[in-house]
C-alpha atoms as a PDB file:
ATOM      1  CA  MET A   1      -9.714 238.720 118.633  1.00  0.00           C
ATOM      2  CA  LYS A   2      -6.740 238.548 116.207  1.00  0.00           C
ATOM      3  CA  ILE A   3      -6.826 234.812 117.074  1.00  0.00           C
ATOM      4  CA  LEU A   4     -10.823 234.822 116.451  1.00  0.00           C
ATOM      5  CA  LEU A   5     -10.800 236.473 112.730  1.00  0.00           C
ATOM      6  CA  SER A   6      -7.518 234.695 111.943  1.00  0.00           C
ATOM      7  CA  CYS A   7      -9.423 231.247 112.432  1.00  0.00           C
ATOM      8  CA  ALA A   8     -12.291 232.667 110.777  1.00  0.00           C
ATOM      9  CA  ALA A   9     -10.256 233.152 107.275  1.00  0.00           C
ATOM     10  CA  ILE A  10      -8.499 230.272 107.361  1.00  0.00           C
ATOM     11  CA  SER A  11     -12.126 228.423 107.785  1.00  0.00           C
ATOM     12  CA  LEU A  12     -13.092 230.782 104.896  1.00  0.00           C
ATOM     13  CA  VAL A  13     -10.085 229.843 102.431  1.00  0.00           C
ATOM     14  CA  ALA A  14     -10.202 226.130 103.653  1.00  0.00           C
ATOM     15  CA  LEU A  15     -13.776 225.723 102.717  1.00  0.00           C
ATOM     16  CA  SER A  16     -13.728 227.705  99.470  1.00  0.00           C
ATOM     17  CA  ALA A  17     -10.881 225.392  98.572  1.00  0.00           C
ATOM     18  CA  ALA A  18     -12.876 222.292  99.424  1.00  0.00           C
ATOM     19  CA  THR A  19     -15.959 223.476  97.289  1.00  0.00           C
ATOM     20  CA  ALA A  20     -13.853 224.545  94.544  1.00  0.00           C
ATOM     21  CA  THR A  21     -12.743 221.363  93.941  1.00  0.00           C
ATOM     22  CA  GLN A  22     -16.172 219.231  93.883  1.00  0.00           C
ATOM     23  CA  GLN A  23     -16.887 217.341  91.169  1.00  0.00           C
ATOM     24  CA  PRO A  24     -20.489 218.815  89.827  1.00  0.00           C
ATOM     25  CA  GLU A  25     -22.745 215.870  89.905  1.00  0.00           C
ATOM     26  CA  ASP A  26     -23.141 214.246  86.498  1.00  0.00           C
ATOM     27  CA  GLN A  27     -27.139 215.574  85.507  1.00  0.00           C
ATOM     28  CA  ASP A  28     -26.808 212.861  82.155  1.00  0.00           C
ATOM     29  CA  SER A  29     -25.032 209.821  83.857  1.00  0.00           C
ATOM     30  CA  CYS A  30     -29.205 208.287  83.246  1.00  0.00           C
ATOM     31  CA  ARG A  31     -29.492 209.181  80.075  1.00  0.00           C
ATOM     32  CA  PHE A  32     -29.735 206.288  77.355  1.00  0.00           C
ATOM     33  CA  LYS A  33     -31.381 205.258  74.538  1.00  0.00           C
ATOM     34  CA  ILE A  34     -33.348 201.942  74.600  1.00  0.00           C
ATOM     35  CA  SER A  35     -33.524 200.056  71.155  1.00  0.00           C
ATOM     36  CA  GLU A  36     -37.494 198.976  70.498  1.00  0.00           C
ATOM     37  CA  SER A  37     -38.453 195.487  71.746  1.00  0.00           C
ATOM     38  CA  THR A  38     -38.982 192.851  68.790  1.00  0.00           C
ATOM     39  CA  THR A  39     -40.843 190.295  70.679  1.00  0.00           C
ATOM     40  CA  LYS A  40     -42.901 189.280  73.236  1.00  0.00           C
ATOM     41  CA  PRO A  41     -40.586 187.234  75.807  1.00  0.00           C
ATOM     42  CA  THR A  42     -40.851 183.119  75.476  1.00  0.00           C
ATOM     43  CA  ILE A  43     -42.387 181.696  78.515  1.00  0.00           C
ATOM     44  CA  THR A  44     -41.811 177.856  79.034  1.00  0.00           C
ATOM     45  CA  GLY A  45     -42.062 175.003  82.047  1.00  0.00           C
ATOM     46  CA  PRO A  46     -45.353 173.468  83.231  1.00  0.00           C
ATOM     47  CA  GLU A  47     -48.349 174.432  81.660  1.00  0.00           C
ATOM     48  CA  ASP A  48     -50.265 175.725  84.620  1.00  0.00           C
ATOM     49  CA  VAL A  49     -47.107 177.908  85.188  1.00  0.00           C
ATOM     50  CA  VAL A  50     -46.774 179.270  81.843  1.00  0.00           C
ATOM     51  CA  ALA A  51     -50.679 180.219  81.761  1.00  0.00           C
ATOM     52  CA  THR A  52     -50.379 181.822  84.577  1.00  0.00           C
ATOM     53  CA  THR A  53     -47.196 183.738  84.079  1.00  0.00           C
ATOM     54  CA  TYR A  54     -47.164 187.514  83.042  1.00  0.00           C
ATOM     55  CA  VAL A  55     -43.605 189.128  82.289  1.00  0.00           C
ATOM     56  CA  ILE A  56     -44.478 193.022  82.961  1.00  0.00           C
ATOM     57  CA  GLU A  57     -44.379 195.520  80.380  1.00  0.00           C
ATOM     58  CA  GLN A  58     -40.530 197.865  80.611  1.00  0.00           C
ATOM     59  CA  PRO A  59     -40.351 200.158  77.650  1.00  0.00           C
ATOM     60  CA  ASP A  60     -38.072 202.023  78.941  1.00  0.00           C
ATOM     61  CA  SER A  61     -35.878 199.421  80.620  1.00  0.00           C
ATOM     62  CA  PRO A  62     -32.093 198.846  79.227  1.00  0.00           C
ATOM     63  CA  ILE A  63     -32.797 195.560  80.004  1.00  0.00           C
ATOM     64  CA  GLU A  64     -35.138 193.380  77.738  1.00  0.00           C
ATOM     65  CA  ILE A  65     -36.215 189.892  78.883  1.00  0.00           C
ATOM     66  CA  LEU A  66     -36.521 187.810  76.121  1.00  0.00           C
ATOM     67  CA  ALA A  67     -37.249 184.434  77.392  1.00  0.00           C
ATOM     68  CA  MET A  68     -38.208 182.649  80.820  1.00  0.00           C
ATOM     69  CA  ASP A  69     -38.069 179.116  81.747  1.00  0.00           C
ATOM     70  CA  PHE A  70     -39.581 177.418  84.515  1.00  0.00           C
ATOM     71  CA  LYS A  71     -39.162 174.208  84.202  1.00  0.00           C
ATOM     72  CA  ASP A  72     -38.375 172.840  87.817  1.00  0.00           C
ATOM     73  CA  THR A  73     -41.191 175.323  89.210  1.00  0.00           C
ATOM     74  CA  PHE A  74     -44.556 174.728  90.864  1.00  0.00           C
ATOM     75  CA  VAL A  75     -47.658 176.414  92.328  1.00  0.00           C
ATOM     76  CA  SER A  76     -49.849 174.827  94.233  1.00  0.00           C
ATOM     77  CA  VAL A  77     -53.734 176.909  94.790  1.00  0.00           C
ATOM     78  CA  SER A  78     -56.033 175.375  97.274  1.00  0.00           C
ATOM     79  CA  ASN A  79     -58.173 177.035 100.119  1.00  0.00           C
ATOM     80  CA  GLU A  80     -57.741 180.798  98.951  1.00  0.00           C
ATOM     81  CA  LEU A  81     -54.020 180.366  99.673  1.00  0.00           C
ATOM     82  CA  PHE A  82     -50.651 179.328  97.578  1.00  0.00           C
ATOM     83  CA  SER A  83     -47.733 177.165  97.681  1.00  0.00           C
ATOM     84  CA  GLU A  84     -44.687 177.745  95.413  1.00  0.00           C
ATOM     85  CA  GLN A  85     -40.871 176.578  94.509  1.00  0.00           C
ATOM     86  CA  LEU A  86     -39.690 178.848  91.639  1.00  0.00           C
ATOM     87  CA  ARG A  87     -36.504 177.685  89.706  1.00  0.00           C
ATOM     88  CA  CYS A  88     -36.140 179.456  86.811  1.00  0.00           C
ATOM     89  CA  THR A  89     -33.670 180.853  84.160  1.00  0.00           C
ATOM     90  CA  ALA A  90     -33.974 184.089  82.590  1.00  0.00           C
ATOM     91  CA  LYS A  91     -32.605 185.387  79.144  1.00  0.00           C
ATOM     92  CA  VAL A  92     -31.766 188.660  78.862  1.00  0.00           C
ATOM     93  CA  ARG A  93     -30.665 191.315  76.494  1.00  0.00           C
ATOM     94  CA  ASN A  94     -29.256 194.296  77.069  1.00  0.00           C
ATOM     95  CA  ARG A  95     -31.511 196.845  74.412  1.00  0.00           C
ATOM     96  CA  SER A  96     -29.493 200.019  75.382  1.00  0.00           C
ATOM     97  CA  ASP A  97     -26.513 202.092  73.731  1.00  0.00           C
ATOM     98  CA  GLN A  98     -24.475 201.838  77.070  1.00  0.00           C
ATOM     99  CA  SER A  99     -22.397 199.133  79.294  1.00  0.00           C
ATOM    100  CA  ILE A 100     -24.364 197.562  81.982  1.00  0.00           C
ATOM    101  CA  ARG A 101     -22.986 196.844  85.013  1.00  0.00           C
ATOM    102  CA  GLY A 102     -25.070 194.665  86.696  1.00  0.00           C
ATOM    103  CA  PHE A 103     -29.061 193.740  86.977  1.00  0.00           C
ATOM    104  CA  ASP A 104     -31.804 192.211  89.126  1.00  0.00           C
ATOM    105  CA  ILE A 105     -34.927 190.406  87.622  1.00  0.00           C
ATOM    106  CA  ALA A 106     -37.899 189.813  89.998  1.00  0.00           C
ATOM    107  CA  ALA A 107     -40.402 187.090  89.544  1.00  0.00           C
ATOM    108  CA  TYR A 108     -43.032 186.943  92.120  1.00  0.00           C
ATOM    109  CA  VAL A 109     -45.945 184.701  92.703  1.00  0.00           C
ATOM    110  CA  THR A 110     -49.037 186.779  93.565  1.00  0.00           C
ATOM    111  CA  ALA A 111     -52.470 187.465  93.934  1.00  0.00           C
ATOM    112  CA  THR A 112     -52.124 191.558  93.850  1.00  0.00           C
ATOM    113  CA  ALA A 113     -50.755 193.735  91.401  1.00  0.00           C
ATOM    114  CA  ALA A 114     -48.610 194.992  94.904  1.00  0.00           C
ATOM    115  CA  PHE A 115     -46.387 191.446  94.780  1.00  0.00           C
ATOM    116  CA  ALA A 116     -47.250 190.726  98.154  1.00  0.00           C
ATOM    117  CA  GLY A 117     -46.494 187.308  98.029  1.00  0.00           C
ATOM    118  CA  ALA A 118     -43.676 184.886  97.709  1.00  0.00           C
ATOM    119  CA  GLY A 119     -41.151 186.005  95.708  1.00  0.00           C
ATOM    120  CA  ILE A 120     -37.220 186.231  94.788  1.00  0.00           C
ATOM    121  CA  ILE A 121     -35.296 189.262  92.977  1.00  0.00           C
ATOM    122  CA  ALA A 122     -32.007 187.657  91.807  1.00  0.00           C
ATOM    123  CA  PRO A 123     -28.784 189.647  91.365  1.00  0.00           C
ATOM    124  CA  GLY A 124     -28.018 189.416  87.066  1.00  0.00           C
ATOM    125  CA  GLY A 125     -24.254 189.672  88.735  1.00  0.00           C
ATOM    126  CA  ARG A 126     -21.374 191.865  88.132  1.00  0.00           C
ATOM    127  CA  GLN A 127     -20.690 190.879  84.757  1.00  0.00           C
ATOM    128  CA  SER A 128     -21.107 194.047  82.208  1.00  0.00           C
ATOM    129  CA  LEU A 129     -22.952 193.726  79.645  1.00  0.00           C
ATOM    130  CA  ALA A 130     -22.162 195.574  76.338  1.00  0.00           C
ATOM    131  CA  PRO A 131     -25.020 196.904  74.220  1.00  0.00           C
ATOM    132  CA  GLY A 132     -26.513 194.195  72.248  1.00  0.00           C
ATOM    133  CA  GLN A 133     -25.361 191.305  74.599  1.00  0.00           C
ATOM    134  CA  GLU A 134     -26.976 188.590  75.772  1.00  0.00           C
ATOM    135  CA  THR A 135     -26.998 186.388  78.611  1.00  0.00           C
ATOM    136  CA  GLU A 136     -28.834 183.768  80.676  1.00  0.00           C
ATOM    137  CA  ILE A 137     -28.886 184.023  84.685  1.00  0.00           C
ATOM    138  CA  THR A 138     -30.367 182.138  87.009  1.00  0.00           C
ATOM    139  CA  ALA A 139     -33.638 184.057  88.194  1.00  0.00           C
ATOM    140  CA  CYS A 140     -35.103 181.656  90.873  1.00  0.00           C
ATOM    141  CA  GLY A 141     -34.130 179.377  93.545  1.00  0.00           C
ATOM    142  CA  GLY A 142     -36.426 180.434  96.418  1.00  0.00           C
ATOM    143  CA  LYS A 143     -39.758 178.919  98.066  1.00  0.00           C
ATOM    144  CA  GLY A 144     -42.654 179.927  99.376  1.00  0.00           C
ATOM    145  CA  ASN A 145     -46.091 180.509 100.767  1.00  0.00           C
ATOM    146  CA  GLY A 146     -49.040 183.366 100.900  1.00  0.00           C
ATOM    147  CA  GLY A 147     -52.733 184.111 100.383  1.00  0.00           C
ATOM    148  CA  ALA A 148     -54.643 183.283  97.293  1.00  0.00           C
ATOM    149  CA  PRO A 149     -58.139 185.201  97.097  1.00  0.00           C
ATOM    150  CA  GLY A 150     -60.604 183.815  95.130  1.00  0.00           C
ATOM    151  CA  ASN A 151     -57.921 180.597  94.849  1.00  0.00           C
ATOM    152  CA  ARG A 152     -56.257 182.988  92.185  1.00  0.00           C
ATOM    153  CA  ALA A 153     -52.605 183.666  91.606  1.00  0.00           C
ATOM    154  CA  ARG A 154     -50.141 184.943  89.142  1.00  0.00           C
ATOM    155  CA  ILE A 155     -46.455 184.567  88.527  1.00  0.00           C
ATOM    156  CA  VAL A 156     -45.185 187.922  87.315  1.00  0.00           C
ATOM    157  CA  VAL A 157     -41.438 188.835  86.257  1.00  0.00           C
ATOM    158  CA  PHE A 158     -39.617 192.265  85.807  1.00  0.00           C
ATOM    159  CA  VAL A 159     -36.726 194.169  85.540  1.00  0.00           C
ATOM    160  CA  SER A 160     -35.983 195.660  89.200  1.00  0.00           C
ATOM    161  CA  ALA A 161     -32.888 197.541  89.040  1.00  0.00           C
ATOM    162  CA  VAL A 162     -30.583 197.908  86.093  1.00  0.00           C
ATOM    163  CA  ALA A 163     -26.804 199.384  87.007  1.00  0.00           C
ATOM    164  CA  MET A 164     -25.054 201.449  84.582  1.00  0.00           C
ATOM    165  CA  ASP A 165     -21.299 203.720  85.295  1.00  0.00           C
ATOM    166  CA  GLY A 166     -22.991 206.474  87.562  1.00  0.00           C
ATOM    167  CA  CYS A 167     -26.158 205.906  87.365  1.00  0.00           C
ATOM    168  CA  SER A 168     -28.655 202.963  89.500  1.00  0.00           C
ATOM    169  CA  TYR A 169     -32.058 202.899  87.401  1.00  0.00           C
ATOM    170  CA  MET A 170     -35.598 201.631  88.238  1.00  0.00           C
ATOM    171  CA  PRO A 171     -37.664 200.788  85.062  1.00  0.00           C
ATOM    172  CA  SER A 172     -40.821 201.836  85.236  1.00  0.00           C
ATOM    173  CA  LYS A 173     -43.823 198.915  85.267  1.00  0.00           C
ATOM    174  CA  ARG A 174     -47.022 199.231  83.274  1.00  0.00           C
ATOM    175  CA  TYR A 175     -49.897 197.162  84.644  1.00  0.00           C
ATOM    176  CA  PRO A 176     -52.347 195.458  83.008  1.00  0.00           C
ATOM    177  CA  ARG A 177     -55.650 197.253  83.703  1.00  0.00           C
ATOM    178  CA  ARG A 178     -57.551 194.547  85.018  1.00  0.00           C
ATOM    179  CA  TRP A 179     -55.393 194.243  87.330  1.00  0.00           C
ATOM    180  CA  LEU A 180     -55.579 197.689  89.091  1.00  0.00           C
ATOM    181  CA  GLY A 181     -59.650 196.791  89.203  1.00  0.00           C
ATOM    182  CA  ALA A 182     -60.362 199.124  86.334  1.00  0.00           C
ATOM    183  CA  SER A 183     -62.901 197.396  83.205  1.00  0.00           C
END
């Protein structure tokens, strides 16, 4: 019995010491301020690609997409199918008040708001971006195909994730009402 009580007391002391040394979670790790976006992103490339490209609004994103260049991209749509080869670069800016350790940019060819098409998520790299700093990355490099009901397809681009010290953040996405079936 003494052995059992001794073991219980040792376990209690060890457990108390372990919980006393745990660091509390940092509730402020994902708090940051962002500056307003001043311009719409510039889209360049073949005329038909530019006409079907949409950069999704993300007012809460610490990363702002400033420009997309699709110079070697093609998208072909016929018989309610699409075929694509995405080749692009993205120019982005850290519009937050904190340094960014990494980020991902997504570019998809899709016929729906659900992004059920071919696409690529390009890691922005492990480079740090100081507040206000801009950089250019290769954001595309894939090819694929998929369904295009009504022979319609579009390219959508958005920031999919942002990494800061102690925080991994996924910005919201504002879809145009017409994409969601609303009039």
